[in-house]
Amino acid sequence: MSQLTESLKRLYKSGQVTADYINARTSLTKEEKTYILSEEPVIEDNYENAFKVLVGEMA
């Protein structure tokens, strides 16, 4: 895959760009869009992590 495709995949996976943004890109082929969107983004829930830390400190 091209460098653009790999970069967009990393951005999508990290939650920095949306699926709508990827699908709106006219410079990408259907195969490239499918490749980029094949993995769900991993979005960390900072509130959940903060709560775990708070509860752990209180215990």
N, C-alpha and C. Protein backbone atom coordinates (compact mmCIF):
# COMPACT_ATOMS: atom_id res chain seq x y z
N MET A 1 0.84 -1.19 0.00
CA MET A 1 0.00 0.00 0.00
C MET A 1 0.88 1.25 0.00
N SER A 2 0.29 2.33 -0.40
CA SER A 2 1.04 3.58 -0.49
C SER A 2 1.29 4.17 0.90
N GLN A 3 2.20 5.11 0.95
CA GLN A 3 2.52 5.76 2.22
C GLN A 3 1.30 6.52 2.75
N LEU A 4 0.54 7.14 1.84
CA LEU A 4 -0.69 7.84 2.24
C LEU A 4 -1.67 6.88 2.89
N THR A 5 -1.85 5.73 2.28
CA THR A 5 -2.78 4.73 2.81
C THR A 5 -2.35 4.27 4.19
N GLU A 6 -1.09 3.98 4.36
CA GLU A 6 -0.59 3.54 5.66
C GLU A 6 -0.74 4.64 6.72
N SER A 7 -0.47 5.86 6.34
CA SER A 7 -0.61 6.99 7.28
C SER A 7 -2.06 7.17 7.70
N LEU A 8 -2.97 7.10 6.74
CA LEU A 8 -4.39 7.24 7.06
C LEU A 8 -4.88 6.09 7.92
N LYS A 9 -4.35 4.90 7.70
CA LYS A 9 -4.73 3.75 8.53
C LYS A 9 -4.31 3.98 9.98
N ARG A 10 -3.08 4.47 10.17
CA ARG A 10 -2.61 4.77 11.54
C ARG A 10 -3.47 5.85 12.19
N LEU A 11 -3.79 6.89 11.43
CA LEU A 11 -4.63 7.97 11.97
C LEU A 11 -6.03 7.47 12.32
N TYR A 12 -6.60 6.63 11.47
CA TYR A 12 -7.92 6.07 11.73
C TYR A 12 -7.91 5.17 12.95
N LYS A 13 -6.90 4.31 13.02
CA LYS A 13 -6.81 3.36 14.13
C LYS A 13 -6.63 4.08 15.47
N SER A 14 -5.94 5.23 15.44
CA SER A 14 -5.73 5.98 16.69
C SER A 14 -6.90 6.91 17.01
N GLY A 15 -7.91 6.95 16.12
CA GLY A 15 -9.09 7.77 16.38
C GLY A 15 -8.94 9.22 15.97
N GLN A 16 -7.88 9.57 15.25
CA GLN A 16 -7.65 10.95 14.86
C GLN A 16 -8.41 11.37 13.61
N VAL A 17 -8.86 10.40 12.80
CA VAL A 17 -9.73 10.68 11.66
C VAL A 17 -10.90 9.70 11.70
N THR A 18 -12.02 10.08 11.11
CA THR A 18 -13.22 9.25 11.14
C THR A 18 -13.38 8.44 9.86
N ALA A 19 -14.27 7.46 9.91
CA ALA A 19 -14.58 6.66 8.73
C ALA A 19 -15.19 7.54 7.64
N ASP A 20 -15.98 8.52 8.04
CA ASP A 20 -16.57 9.44 7.06
C ASP A 20 -15.48 10.19 6.30
N TYR A 21 -14.44 10.59 7.00
CA TYR A 21 -13.32 11.29 6.36
C TYR A 21 -12.64 10.38 5.35
N ILE A 22 -12.41 9.14 5.73
CA ILE A 22 -11.75 8.18 4.84
C ILE A 22 -12.62 7.95 3.60
N ASN A 23 -13.91 7.73 3.81
CA ASN A 23 -14.81 7.46 2.70
C ASN A 23 -14.98 8.65 1.77
N ALA A 24 -14.78 9.85 2.27
CA ALA A 24 -14.92 11.06 1.45
C ALA A 24 -13.69 11.33 0.58
N ARG A 25 -12.58 10.67 0.87
CA ARG A 25 -11.35 10.89 0.10
C ARG A 25 -11.50 10.32 -1.30
N THR A 26 -11.48 11.17 -2.31
CA THR A 26 -11.61 10.72 -3.70
C THR A 26 -10.30 10.17 -4.24
N SER A 27 -9.19 10.45 -3.57
CA SER A 27 -7.89 9.98 -4.04
C SER A 27 -7.64 8.50 -3.69
N LEU A 28 -8.52 7.92 -2.88
CA LEU A 28 -8.35 6.53 -2.48
C LEU A 28 -9.25 5.61 -3.30
N THR A 29 -8.73 4.43 -3.61
CA THR A 29 -9.55 3.43 -4.29
C THR A 29 -10.44 2.73 -3.26
N LYS A 30 -11.41 1.99 -3.75
CA LYS A 30 -12.30 1.24 -2.85
C LYS A 30 -11.50 0.22 -2.04
N GLU A 31 -10.51 -0.41 -2.66
CA GLU A 31 -9.68 -1.39 -1.95
C GLU A 31 -8.88 -0.73 -0.83
N GLU A 32 -8.34 0.46 -1.10
CA GLU A 32 -7.58 1.18 -0.06
C GLU A 32 -8.48 1.58 1.09
N LYS A 33 -9.69 2.03 0.80
CA LYS A 33 -10.63 2.41 1.86
C LYS A 33 -10.99 1.19 2.71
N THR A 34 -11.22 0.06 2.06
CA THR A 34 -11.53 -1.17 2.78
C THR A 34 -10.36 -1.58 3.68
N TYR A 35 -9.14 -1.47 3.17
CA TYR A 35 -7.94 -1.80 3.94
C TYR A 35 -7.81 -0.89 5.16
N ILE A 36 -8.02 0.40 4.98
CA ILE A 36 -7.88 1.36 6.08
C ILE A 36 -8.93 1.09 7.15
N LEU A 37 -10.15 0.83 6.73
CA LEU A 37 -11.26 0.68 7.68
C LEU A 37 -11.41 -0.73 8.22
N SER A 38 -10.47 -1.63 7.88
CA SER A 38 -10.58 -3.03 8.28
C SER A 38 -10.40 -3.24 9.79
N GLU A 39 -9.73 -2.33 10.45
CA GLU A 39 -9.54 -2.43 11.90
C GLU A 39 -10.27 -1.30 12.60
N GLU A 40 -10.96 -1.61 13.67
CA GLU A 40 -11.67 -0.59 14.43
C GLU A 40 -10.68 0.30 15.17
N PRO A 41 -11.02 1.58 15.29
CA PRO A 41 -10.14 2.47 16.05
C PRO A 41 -10.07 2.09 17.52
N VAL A 42 -8.92 2.31 18.10
CA VAL A 42 -8.72 2.05 19.52
C VAL A 42 -8.72 3.40 20.22
N ILE A 43 -9.82 3.69 20.89
CA ILE A 43 -9.95 4.98 21.57
C ILE A 43 -9.92 4.71 23.07
N GLU A 44 -8.93 5.28 23.71
CA GLU A 44 -8.79 5.09 25.15
C GLU A 44 -9.78 5.97 25.89
N ASP A 45 -10.41 5.40 26.88
CA ASP A 45 -11.36 6.15 27.71
C ASP A 45 -10.61 6.68 28.93
N ASN A 46 -10.21 7.93 28.86
CA ASN A 46 -9.42 8.51 29.94
C ASN A 46 -10.18 8.61 31.25
N TYR A 47 -11.51 8.79 31.18
CA TYR A 47 -12.31 8.86 32.40
C TYR A 47 -12.31 7.51 33.12
N GLU A 48 -12.42 6.43 32.34
CA GLU A 48 -12.40 5.10 32.93
C GLU A 48 -11.05 4.84 33.57
N ASN A 49 -9.97 5.21 32.90
CA ASN A 49 -8.64 5.01 33.44
C ASN A 49 -8.44 5.85 34.70
N ALA A 50 -8.92 7.07 34.70
CA ALA A 50 -8.80 7.93 35.87
C ALA A 50 -9.57 7.36 37.05
N PHE A 51 -10.75 6.80 36.78
CA PHE A 51 -11.55 6.20 37.84
C PHE A 51 -10.83 5.01 38.45
N LYS A 52 -10.23 4.18 37.61
CA LYS A 52 -9.49 3.02 38.11
C LYS A 52 -8.34 3.45 39.00
N VAL A 53 -7.65 4.49 38.62
CA VAL A 53 -6.55 5.00 39.42
C VAL A 53 -7.06 5.54 40.75
N LEU A 54 -8.16 6.27 40.71
CA LEU A 54 -8.74 6.85 41.91
C LEU A 54 -9.18 5.74 42.87
N VAL A 55 -9.88 4.74 42.37
CA VAL A 55 -10.35 3.64 43.20
C VAL A 55 -9.17 2.86 43.75
N GLY A 56 -8.15 2.67 42.93
CA GLY A 56 -6.97 1.94 43.37
C GLY A 56 -6.23 2.66 44.48
N GLU A 57 -6.20 3.98 44.41
CA GLU A 57 -5.53 4.76 45.45
C GLU A 57 -6.33 4.79 46.73
N MET A 58 -7.65 4.69 46.61
CA MET A 58 -8.51 4.76 47.80
C MET A 58 -8.55 3.42 48.52
N ALA A 59 -8.27 2.34 47.83
CA ALA A 59 -8.40 1.00 48.44
C ALA A 59 -7.27 0.70 49.40
